[in-house]
């Protein structure tokens, strides 16, 4: 008989169970690479950075040196995206979808970490919608024993071109009627991102119950960012709903493809609680 139950033992406040964190760290340490890149992916608000932080804390408590890199920190600068918006399509001004990351920078950082070189880790300010100056980037001066790489679309594959013809939401229908933006994003996935994905040694996928829950999770994430800096201004619900539509096509494709590609898939319920699936 198959069964599915919520994991409740030793759960961190607003975090993942100790048992899951320990399993992730054990899986990372078992990788046959001196400085392995252990990746965590999942849709917006699924808890990727939380899990990465918990793994890093447990690893450091064991005496390991850990570097944490987020795909979000590899966004193109605001000026770079404005140029794309002017030259290719206005929707490329919005960060997040494929084609708005500095893939070459990501490859450079991961290669330097693997080689044990001193390297500054890029950082992006989401509320300012721009990359922080390099003076604000933390530097890794000693070889890391483990690299944790988290991001919403890690290992995303391009769709078949025929799938791009029909819009998936109002944003695509009204603001990309000719499909120029979505073809640009898909072409970037086909051309640029495989080099970055090839640096990943293992990938865990935090699988939501469906795409619709992203609206709730991402709103919670937005409120948490504002709570940390109440002097800043974030998105209201209408702005957030439009923002999420930029991610919908790739997100739905990830939900269909990642369970078959990830080294482990962790199913989540609507409260982000991991579900254990096994046999009795």
C-alpha atoms as a PDB file:
ATOM      1  CA  UNK A   1       0.000   0.000   0.000  1.00  0.00           C
ATOM      2  CA  UNK A   2       1.183   3.503  -0.788  1.00  0.00           C
ATOM      3  CA  UNK A   3       0.864   6.141   1.876  1.00  0.00           C
ATOM      4  CA  UNK A   4       1.424   9.861   2.210  1.00  0.00           C
ATOM      5  CA  UNK A   5       1.719  11.714   5.507  1.00  0.00           C
ATOM      6  CA  UNK A   6       2.960  15.086   6.673  1.00  0.00           C
ATOM      7  CA  UNK A   7       6.436  15.131   8.221  1.00  0.00           C
ATOM      8  CA  UNK A   8       6.030  16.644  11.695  1.00  0.00           C
ATOM      9  CA  UNK A   9       9.025  15.463  13.714  1.00  0.00           C
ATOM     10  CA  UNK A  10      11.605  18.057  14.864  1.00  0.00           C
ATOM     11  CA  UNK A  11      10.366  20.783  12.525  1.00  0.00           C
ATOM     12  CA  UNK A  12      12.157  24.147  12.677  1.00  0.00           C
ATOM     13  CA  UNK A  13       9.885  27.198  13.052  1.00  0.00           C
ATOM     14  CA  UNK A  14       8.972  28.194   9.499  1.00  0.00           C
ATOM     15  CA  UNK A  15      11.413  25.596   8.220  1.00  0.00           C
ATOM     16  CA  UNK A  16      11.861  21.990   7.215  1.00  0.00           C
ATOM     17  CA  UNK A  17      12.111  18.919   9.477  1.00  0.00           C
ATOM     18  CA  UNK A  18      15.556  18.066  10.838  1.00  0.00           C
ATOM     19  CA  UNK A  19      15.301  14.604   9.327  1.00  0.00           C
ATOM     20  CA  UNK A  20      14.890  16.021   5.824  1.00  0.00           C
ATOM     21  CA  UNK A  21      17.704  18.531   6.315  1.00  0.00           C
ATOM     22  CA  UNK A  22      19.969  15.725   7.523  1.00  0.00           C
ATOM     23  CA  UNK A  23      19.092  13.559   4.541  1.00  0.00           C
ATOM     24  CA  UNK A  24      19.894  16.415   2.173  1.00  0.00           C
ATOM     25  CA  UNK A  25      23.254  17.041   3.827  1.00  0.00           C
ATOM     26  CA  UNK A  26      24.096  13.334   3.760  1.00  0.00           C
ATOM     27  CA  UNK A  27      23.203  13.184   0.058  1.00  0.00           C
ATOM     28  CA  UNK A  28      25.389  16.211  -0.647  1.00  0.00           C
ATOM     29  CA  UNK A  29      28.354  14.812   1.289  1.00  0.00           C
ATOM     30  CA  UNK A  30      28.072  11.496  -0.568  1.00  0.00           C
ATOM     31  CA  UNK A  31      28.663  13.159  -3.939  1.00  0.00           C
ATOM     32  CA  UNK A  32      32.037  12.063  -5.385  1.00  0.00           C
ATOM     33  CA  UNK A  33      33.367  15.592  -5.891  1.00  0.00           C
ATOM     34  CA  UNK A  34      35.743  17.573  -3.717  1.00  0.00           C
ATOM     35  CA  UNK A  35      33.453  20.608  -3.755  1.00  0.00           C
ATOM     36  CA  UNK A  36      30.045  19.357  -4.912  1.00  0.00           C
ATOM     37  CA  UNK A  37      27.227  21.617  -6.104  1.00  0.00           C
ATOM     38  CA  UNK A  38      24.018  20.485  -4.425  1.00  0.00           C
ATOM     39  CA  UNK A  39      21.006  22.221  -5.963  1.00  0.00           C
ATOM     40  CA  UNK A  40      17.498  22.866  -4.659  1.00  0.00           C
ATOM     41  CA  UNK A  41      14.714  23.951  -6.980  1.00  0.00           C
ATOM     42  CA  UNK A  42      11.018  24.692  -6.647  1.00  0.00           C
ATOM     43  CA  UNK A  43       8.472  27.259  -7.712  1.00  0.00           C
ATOM     44  CA  UNK A  44       8.249  30.726  -6.161  1.00  0.00           C
ATOM     45  CA  UNK A  45       7.806  30.720  -2.396  1.00  0.00           C
ATOM     46  CA  UNK A  46       8.314  26.972  -1.968  1.00  0.00           C
ATOM     47  CA  UNK A  47      11.073  27.298   0.640  1.00  0.00           C
ATOM     48  CA  UNK A  48      14.236  26.795  -1.402  1.00  0.00           C
ATOM     49  CA  UNK A  49      16.288  29.412   0.403  1.00  0.00           C
ATOM     50  CA  UNK A  50      14.968  28.227   3.776  1.00  0.00           C
ATOM     51  CA  UNK A  51      16.062  24.655   3.094  1.00  0.00           C
ATOM     52  CA  UNK A  52      19.427  25.813   1.751  1.00  0.00           C
ATOM     53  CA  UNK A  53      19.956  27.897   4.907  1.00  0.00           C
ATOM     54  CA  UNK A  54      19.087  24.968   7.163  1.00  0.00           C
ATOM     55  CA  UNK A  55      21.438  22.636   5.306  1.00  0.00           C
ATOM     56  CA  UNK A  56      24.193  25.246   5.505  1.00  0.00           C
ATOM     57  CA  UNK A  57      23.670  25.683   9.258  1.00  0.00           C
ATOM     58  CA  UNK A  58      23.810  21.942   9.869  1.00  0.00           C
ATOM     59  CA  UNK A  59      26.864  21.564   7.638  1.00  0.00           C
ATOM     60  CA  UNK A  60      28.705  24.399   9.362  1.00  0.00           C
ATOM     61  CA  UNK A  61      27.868  22.880  12.755  1.00  0.00           C
ATOM     62  CA  UNK A  62      29.707  19.784  11.493  1.00  0.00           C
ATOM     63  CA  UNK A  63      32.776  21.854  10.652  1.00  0.00           C
ATOM     64  CA  UNK A  64      32.164  22.189   6.913  1.00  0.00           C
ATOM     65  CA  UNK A  65      32.717  25.370   4.908  1.00  0.00           C
ATOM     66  CA  UNK A  66      29.633  26.159   2.833  1.00  0.00           C
ATOM     67  CA  UNK A  67      28.936  28.620   0.018  1.00  0.00           C
ATOM     68  CA  UNK A  68      25.328  29.450  -0.838  1.00  0.00           C
ATOM     69  CA  UNK A  69      24.370  30.872  -4.223  1.00  0.00           C
ATOM     70  CA  UNK A  70      20.881  31.741  -5.436  1.00  0.00           C
ATOM     71  CA  UNK A  71      19.810  31.900  -9.056  1.00  0.00           C
ATOM     72  CA  UNK A  72      18.006  35.100  -8.035  1.00  0.00           C
ATOM     73  CA  UNK A  73      21.378  36.702  -7.356  1.00  0.00           C
ATOM     74  CA  UNK A  74      22.322  36.109 -10.997  1.00  0.00           C
ATOM     75  CA  UNK A  75      19.653  38.389 -12.444  1.00  0.00           C
ATOM     76  CA  UNK A  76      20.842  40.813 -15.056  1.00  0.00           C
ATOM     77  CA  UNK A  77      21.152  44.353 -13.772  1.00  0.00           C
ATOM     78  CA  UNK A  78      18.233  46.691 -14.215  1.00  0.00           C
ATOM     79  CA  UNK A  79      20.124  48.587 -16.940  1.00  0.00           C
ATOM     80  CA  UNK A  80      20.816  45.368 -18.839  1.00  0.00           C
ATOM     81  CA  UNK A  81      17.162  44.367 -18.681  1.00  0.00           C
ATOM     82  CA  UNK A  82      16.062  47.804 -19.832  1.00  0.00           C
ATOM     83  CA  UNK A  83      18.264  47.391 -22.900  1.00  0.00           C
ATOM     84  CA  UNK A  84      16.698  44.015 -23.620  1.00  0.00           C
ATOM     85  CA  UNK A  85      13.261  45.540 -23.162  1.00  0.00           C
ATOM     86  CA  UNK A  86      14.074  48.234 -25.714  1.00  0.00           C
ATOM     87  CA  UNK A  87      15.812  45.962 -28.222  1.00  0.00           C
ATOM     88  CA  UNK A  88      13.821  42.710 -27.977  1.00  0.00           C
ATOM     89  CA  UNK A  89      10.562  42.962 -26.017  1.00  0.00           C
ATOM     90  CA  UNK A  90       9.215  45.157 -23.175  1.00  0.00           C
ATOM     91  CA  UNK A  91       8.444  42.141 -20.957  1.00  0.00           C
ATOM     92  CA  UNK A  92      12.172  41.458 -20.614  1.00  0.00           C
ATOM     93  CA  UNK A  93      12.339  44.400 -18.207  1.00  0.00           C
ATOM     94  CA  UNK A  94      10.878  42.078 -15.569  1.00  0.00           C
ATOM     95  CA  UNK A  95      13.412  39.910 -13.756  1.00  0.00           C
ATOM     96  CA  UNK A  96      12.987  36.179 -13.326  1.00  0.00           C
ATOM     97  CA  UNK A  97      12.041  34.377 -16.533  1.00  0.00           C
ATOM     98  CA  UNK A  98      14.721  32.593 -18.567  1.00  0.00           C
ATOM     99  CA  UNK A  99      16.735  35.119 -20.503  1.00  0.00           C
ATOM    100  CA  UNK A 100      16.996  37.564 -17.591  1.00  0.00           C
ATOM    101  CA  UNK A 101      19.888  35.835 -15.791  1.00  0.00           C
ATOM    102  CA  UNK A 102      23.620  36.350 -16.228  1.00  0.00           C
ATOM    103  CA  UNK A 103      24.384  32.730 -17.040  1.00  0.00           C
ATOM    104  CA  UNK A 104      28.066  33.406 -17.735  1.00  0.00           C
ATOM    105  CA  UNK A 105      28.435  34.967 -14.276  1.00  0.00           C
ATOM    106  CA  UNK A 106      26.836  31.913 -12.680  1.00  0.00           C
ATOM    107  CA  UNK A 107      29.169  29.550 -14.512  1.00  0.00           C
ATOM    108  CA  UNK A 108      32.180  31.654 -13.498  1.00  0.00           C
ATOM    109  CA  UNK A 109      31.191  31.683  -9.823  1.00  0.00           C
ATOM    110  CA  UNK A 110      30.493  27.949  -9.645  1.00  0.00           C
ATOM    111  CA  UNK A 111      33.721  27.113 -11.478  1.00  0.00           C
ATOM    112  CA  UNK A 112      35.737  29.303  -9.101  1.00  0.00           C
ATOM    113  CA  UNK A 113      34.107  27.668  -6.065  1.00  0.00           C
ATOM    114  CA  UNK A 114      34.885  24.213  -7.443  1.00  0.00           C
ATOM    115  CA  UNK A 115      38.489  25.213  -8.001  1.00  0.00           C
ATOM    116  CA  UNK A 116      38.830  26.571  -4.472  1.00  0.00           C
ATOM    117  CA  UNK A 117      39.535  30.087  -5.674  1.00  0.00           C
ATOM    118  CA  UNK A 118      38.698  33.253  -3.771  1.00  0.00           C
ATOM    119  CA  UNK A 119      35.474  34.594  -5.251  1.00  0.00           C
ATOM    120  CA  UNK A 120      32.825  37.191  -4.371  1.00  0.00           C
ATOM    121  CA  UNK A 121      29.260  35.892  -4.509  1.00  0.00           C
ATOM    122  CA  UNK A 122      26.837  38.169  -6.385  1.00  0.00           C
ATOM    123  CA  UNK A 123      23.839  39.551  -4.537  1.00  0.00           C
ATOM    124  CA  UNK A 124      20.601  41.027  -5.896  1.00  0.00           C
ATOM    125  CA  UNK A 125      18.294  43.457  -4.065  1.00  0.00           C
ATOM    126  CA  UNK A 126      14.727  42.474  -5.011  1.00  0.00           C
ATOM    127  CA  UNK A 127      13.067  45.510  -3.482  1.00  0.00           C
ATOM    128  CA  UNK A 128      15.420  47.805  -5.417  1.00  0.00           C
ATOM    129  CA  UNK A 129      15.117  45.464  -8.433  1.00  0.00           C
ATOM    130  CA  UNK A 130      18.825  45.673  -9.140  1.00  0.00           C
ATOM    131  CA  UNK A 131      22.083  43.884  -8.439  1.00  0.00           C
ATOM    132  CA  UNK A 132      24.014  45.155  -5.447  1.00  0.00           C
ATOM    133  CA  UNK A 133      27.386  46.825  -6.133  1.00  0.00           C
ATOM    134  CA  UNK A 134      30.292  44.388  -5.984  1.00  0.00           C
ATOM    135  CA  UNK A 135      31.432  46.032  -2.751  1.00  0.00           C
ATOM    136  CA  UNK A 136      28.364  44.463  -1.115  1.00  0.00           C
ATOM    137  CA  UNK A 137      29.086  40.923  -2.294  1.00  0.00           C
ATOM    138  CA  UNK A 138      30.324  38.454   0.364  1.00  0.00           C
ATOM    139  CA  UNK A 139      33.682  36.886  -0.444  1.00  0.00           C
ATOM    140  CA  UNK A 140      34.596  33.230  -0.125  1.00  0.00           C
ATOM    141  CA  UNK A 141      38.331  33.188   0.566  1.00  0.00           C
ATOM    142  CA  UNK A 142      38.865  29.510   1.416  1.00  0.00           C
ATOM    143  CA  UNK A 143      37.860  26.401  -0.474  1.00  0.00           C
ATOM    144  CA  UNK A 144      34.254  25.462   0.275  1.00  0.00           C
ATOM    145  CA  UNK A 145      33.463  21.869   1.176  1.00  0.00           C
ATOM    146  CA  UNK A 146      29.964  22.248  -0.249  1.00  0.00           C
ATOM    147  CA  UNK A 147      28.146  24.628  -2.593  1.00  0.00           C
ATOM    148  CA  UNK A 148      24.390  25.011  -2.176  1.00  0.00           C
ATOM    149  CA  UNK A 149      22.750  26.405  -5.308  1.00  0.00           C
ATOM    150  CA  UNK A 150      19.050  27.233  -5.142  1.00  0.00           C
ATOM    151  CA  UNK A 151      16.697  28.694  -7.721  1.00  0.00           C
ATOM    152  CA  UNK A 152      13.186  28.533  -9.069  1.00  0.00           C
ATOM    153  CA  UNK A 153      13.919  27.134 -12.535  1.00  0.00           C
ATOM    154  CA  UNK A 154      17.080  25.053 -12.120  1.00  0.00           C
ATOM    155  CA  UNK A 155      17.350  22.392 -14.806  1.00  0.00           C
ATOM    156  CA  UNK A 156      14.457  23.890 -16.784  1.00  0.00           C
ATOM    157  CA  UNK A 157      14.312  22.566 -20.336  1.00  0.00           C
ATOM    158  CA  UNK A 158      12.940  24.398 -23.397  1.00  0.00           C
ATOM    159  CA  UNK A 159       9.469  23.601 -24.641  1.00  0.00           C
ATOM    160  CA  UNK A 160       8.732  22.383 -28.146  1.00  0.00           C
ATOM    161  CA  UNK A 161       8.248  25.385 -30.393  1.00  0.00           C
ATOM    162  CA  UNK A 162       4.689  24.369 -31.221  1.00  0.00           C
ATOM    163  CA  UNK A 163       3.749  24.696 -27.543  1.00  0.00           C
ATOM    164  CA  UNK A 164       4.559  28.405 -27.651  1.00  0.00           C
ATOM    165  CA  UNK A 165       1.783  29.304 -30.065  1.00  0.00           C
ATOM    166  CA  UNK A 166      -1.083  29.385 -27.545  1.00  0.00           C
ATOM    167  CA  UNK A 167      -0.844  31.915 -24.672  1.00  0.00           C
ATOM    168  CA  UNK A 168      -1.130  30.455 -21.153  1.00  0.00           C
ATOM    169  CA  UNK A 169      -2.492  33.601 -19.491  1.00  0.00           C
ATOM    170  CA  UNK A 170      -3.676  37.163 -20.048  1.00  0.00           C
ATOM    171  CA  UNK A 171      -0.148  38.555 -19.956  1.00  0.00           C
ATOM    172  CA  UNK A 172       0.948  36.450 -22.907  1.00  0.00           C
ATOM    173  CA  UNK A 173      -2.327  37.028 -24.765  1.00  0.00           C
ATOM    174  CA  UNK A 174      -2.374  40.806 -24.363  1.00  0.00           C
ATOM    175  CA  UNK A 175       1.290  41.816 -24.082  1.00  0.00           C
ATOM    176  CA  UNK A 176       3.002  39.124 -26.189  1.00  0.00           C
ATOM    177  CA  UNK A 177       0.443  38.396 -28.923  1.00  0.00           C
ATOM    178  CA  UNK A 178       3.129  37.519 -31.493  1.00  0.00           C
ATOM    179  CA  UNK A 179       5.073  35.285 -29.070  1.00  0.00           C
ATOM    180  CA  UNK A 180       8.330  37.254 -29.389  1.00  0.00           C
ATOM    181  CA  UNK A 181       8.956  37.322 -25.621  1.00  0.00           C
ATOM    182  CA  UNK A 182       8.169  33.682 -24.952  1.00  0.00           C
ATOM    183  CA  UNK A 183      10.261  32.538 -27.921  1.00  0.00           C
ATOM    184  CA  UNK A 184      13.178  34.624 -26.613  1.00  0.00           C
ATOM    185  CA  UNK A 185      12.868  32.979 -23.177  1.00  0.00           C
ATOM    186  CA  UNK A 186      12.590  29.511 -24.699  1.00  0.00           C
ATOM    187  CA  UNK A 187      15.566  30.096 -26.985  1.00  0.00           C
ATOM    188  CA  UNK A 188      17.626  31.199 -23.985  1.00  0.00           C
ATOM    189  CA  UNK A 189      16.760  27.958 -22.206  1.00  0.00           C
ATOM    190  CA  UNK A 190      17.870  25.989 -25.250  1.00  0.00           C
ATOM    191  CA  UNK A 191      21.035  27.987 -25.946  1.00  0.00           C
ATOM    192  CA  UNK A 192      22.433  29.436 -22.709  1.00  0.00           C
ATOM    193  CA  UNK A 193      21.226  27.629 -19.608  1.00  0.00           C
ATOM    194  CA  UNK A 194      22.509  24.061 -20.248  1.00  0.00           C
ATOM    195  CA  UNK A 195      26.036  25.297 -19.438  1.00  0.00           C
ATOM    196  CA  UNK A 196      24.840  26.403 -15.999  1.00  0.00           C
ATOM    197  CA  UNK A 197      22.801  23.260 -15.360  1.00  0.00           C
ATOM    198  CA  UNK A 198      25.841  21.136 -16.217  1.00  0.00           C
ATOM    199  CA  UNK A 199      27.610  22.497 -13.110  1.00  0.00           C
ATOM    200  CA  UNK A 200      24.983  20.851 -10.850  1.00  0.00           C
ATOM    201  CA  UNK A 201      25.965  17.530  -9.233  1.00  0.00           C
ATOM    202  CA  UNK A 202      22.613  16.725  -7.596  1.00  0.00           C
ATOM    203  CA  UNK A 203      19.169  18.333  -7.726  1.00  0.00           C
ATOM    204  CA  UNK A 204      16.278  18.170  -5.242  1.00  0.00           C
ATOM    205  CA  UNK A 205      12.857  19.458  -6.288  1.00  0.00           C
ATOM    206  CA  UNK A 206      10.348  20.943  -3.823  1.00  0.00           C
ATOM    207  CA  UNK A 207       7.106  20.085  -5.588  1.00  0.00           C
ATOM    208  CA  UNK A 208       4.018  22.196  -4.783  1.00  0.00           C
ATOM    209  CA  UNK A 209       0.473  20.808  -4.921  1.00  0.00           C
ATOM    210  CA  UNK A 210      -0.061  22.868  -8.078  1.00  0.00           C
ATOM    211  CA  UNK A 211       0.793  26.145  -9.766  1.00  0.00           C
ATOM    212  CA  UNK A 212      -2.154  27.991  -8.194  1.00  0.00           C
ATOM    213  CA  UNK A 213      -0.601  27.914  -4.699  1.00  0.00           C
ATOM    214  CA  UNK A 214       2.272  30.089  -5.953  1.00  0.00           C
ATOM    215  CA  UNK A 215       0.046  33.169  -5.690  1.00  0.00           C
ATOM    216  CA  UNK A 216      -0.357  32.613  -1.940  1.00  0.00           C
ATOM    217  CA  UNK A 217       3.249  31.612  -1.289  1.00  0.00           C
ATOM    218  CA  UNK A 218       4.714  34.495  -3.265  1.00  0.00           C
ATOM    219  CA  UNK A 219       2.483  37.009  -1.470  1.00  0.00           C
ATOM    220  CA  UNK A 220       3.708  35.663   1.861  1.00  0.00           C
ATOM    221  CA  UNK A 221       7.274  36.005   0.596  1.00  0.00           C
ATOM    222  CA  UNK A 222       6.633  39.621  -0.457  1.00  0.00           C
ATOM    223  CA  UNK A 223       5.218  40.475   2.956  1.00  0.00           C
ATOM    224  CA  UNK A 224       8.201  38.881   4.684  1.00  0.00           C
ATOM    225  CA  UNK A 225      10.617  40.989   2.622  1.00  0.00           C
ATOM    226  CA  UNK A 226       8.736  44.160   3.517  1.00  0.00           C
ATOM    227  CA  UNK A 227       8.645  43.195   7.196  1.00  0.00           C
ATOM    228  CA  UNK A 228      12.438  43.065   7.171  1.00  0.00           C
ATOM    229  CA  UNK A 229      12.597  46.572   5.680  1.00  0.00           C
ATOM    230  CA  UNK A 230       9.383  48.504   6.336  1.00  0.00           C
ATOM    231  CA  UNK A 231      10.801  51.674   4.796  1.00  0.00           C
ATOM    232  CA  UNK A 232      10.806  50.057   1.350  1.00  0.00           C
ATOM    233  CA  UNK A 233       7.866  49.581  -1.034  1.00  0.00           C
ATOM    234  CA  UNK A 234       6.917  46.220  -2.505  1.00  0.00           C
ATOM    235  CA  UNK A 235       4.190  44.985  -4.834  1.00  0.00           C
ATOM    236  CA  UNK A 236       0.472  45.084  -4.122  1.00  0.00           C
ATOM    237  CA  UNK A 237      -1.721  42.078  -4.974  1.00  0.00           C
ATOM    238  CA  UNK A 238      -2.540  43.253  -8.499  1.00  0.00           C
ATOM    239  CA  UNK A 239       1.116  43.907  -9.282  1.00  0.00           C
ATOM    240  CA  UNK A 240       2.075  40.555  -7.827  1.00  0.00           C
ATOM    241  CA  UNK A 241      -0.553  38.711  -9.860  1.00  0.00           C
ATOM    242  CA  UNK A 242       0.827  40.241 -13.052  1.00  0.00           C
ATOM    243  CA  UNK A 243       4.397  39.483 -11.941  1.00  0.00           C
ATOM    244  CA  UNK A 244       3.599  35.799 -11.382  1.00  0.00           C
ATOM    245  CA  UNK A 245       2.202  35.509 -14.916  1.00  0.00           C
ATOM    246  CA  UNK A 246       5.742  36.104 -16.219  1.00  0.00           C
ATOM    247  CA  UNK A 247       6.694  32.782 -14.584  1.00  0.00           C
ATOM    248  CA  UNK A 248       3.618  30.714 -15.329  1.00  0.00           C
ATOM    249  CA  UNK A 249       4.633  29.061 -18.598  1.00  0.00           C
ATOM    250  CA  UNK A 250       8.005  27.835 -17.370  1.00  0.00           C
ATOM    251  CA  UNK A 251       6.542  26.918 -13.969  1.00  0.00           C
ATOM    252  CA  UNK A 252       3.902  24.665 -15.490  1.00  0.00           C
ATOM    253  CA  UNK A 253       6.509  23.046 -17.720  1.00  0.00           C
ATOM    254  CA  UNK A 254       8.711  22.437 -14.670  1.00  0.00           C
ATOM    255  CA  UNK A 255       5.831  20.775 -12.820  1.00  0.00           C
ATOM    256  CA  UNK A 256       5.437  18.398 -15.746  1.00  0.00           C
ATOM    257  CA  UNK A 257       9.120  17.600 -16.265  1.00  0.00           C
ATOM    258  CA  UNK A 258      11.159  17.995 -13.071  1.00  0.00           C
ATOM    259  CA  UNK A 259       9.788  14.993 -11.141  1.00  0.00           C
ATOM    260  CA  UNK A 260      11.292  12.776 -13.818  1.00  0.00           C
ATOM    261  CA  UNK A 261      14.666  14.549 -13.796  1.00  0.00           C
ATOM    262  CA  UNK A 262      15.391  15.504 -10.182  1.00  0.00           C
ATOM    263  CA  UNK A 263      17.478  13.220  -7.991  1.00  0.00           C
ATOM    264  CA  UNK A 264      14.761  13.553  -5.368  1.00  0.00           C
ATOM    265  CA  UNK A 265      11.308  15.124  -5.393  1.00  0.00           C
ATOM    266  CA  UNK A 266       9.864  16.373  -2.100  1.00  0.00           C
ATOM    267  CA  UNK A 267       6.115  16.809  -2.316  1.00  0.00           C
ATOM    268  CA  UNK A 268       4.731  19.755  -0.328  1.00  0.00           C
ATOM    269  CA  UNK A 269       1.238  20.430   0.927  1.00  0.00           C
ATOM    270  CA  UNK A 270      -0.384  23.874   0.790  1.00  0.00           C
ATOM    271  CA  UNK A 271       1.348  24.873   4.040  1.00  0.00           C
ATOM    272  CA  UNK A 272       4.737  23.865   2.560  1.00  0.00           C
ATOM    273  CA  UNK A 273       4.920  20.804   4.801  1.00  0.00           C
ATOM    274  CA  UNK A 274       6.903  18.022   3.139  1.00  0.00           C
ATOM    275  CA  UNK A 275       5.087  14.755   2.552  1.00  0.00           C
ATOM    276  CA  UNK A 276       6.727  11.390   3.043  1.00  0.00           C
ATOM    277  CA  UNK A 277       5.782   8.897   0.391  1.00  0.00           C
ATOM    278  CA  UNK A 278       6.703   5.268   0.932  1.00  0.00           C
ATOM    279  CA  UNK A 279       5.462   1.746   1.240  1.00  0.00           C
ATOM    280  CA  UNK A 280       3.940  -0.111   4.165  1.00  0.00           C
END
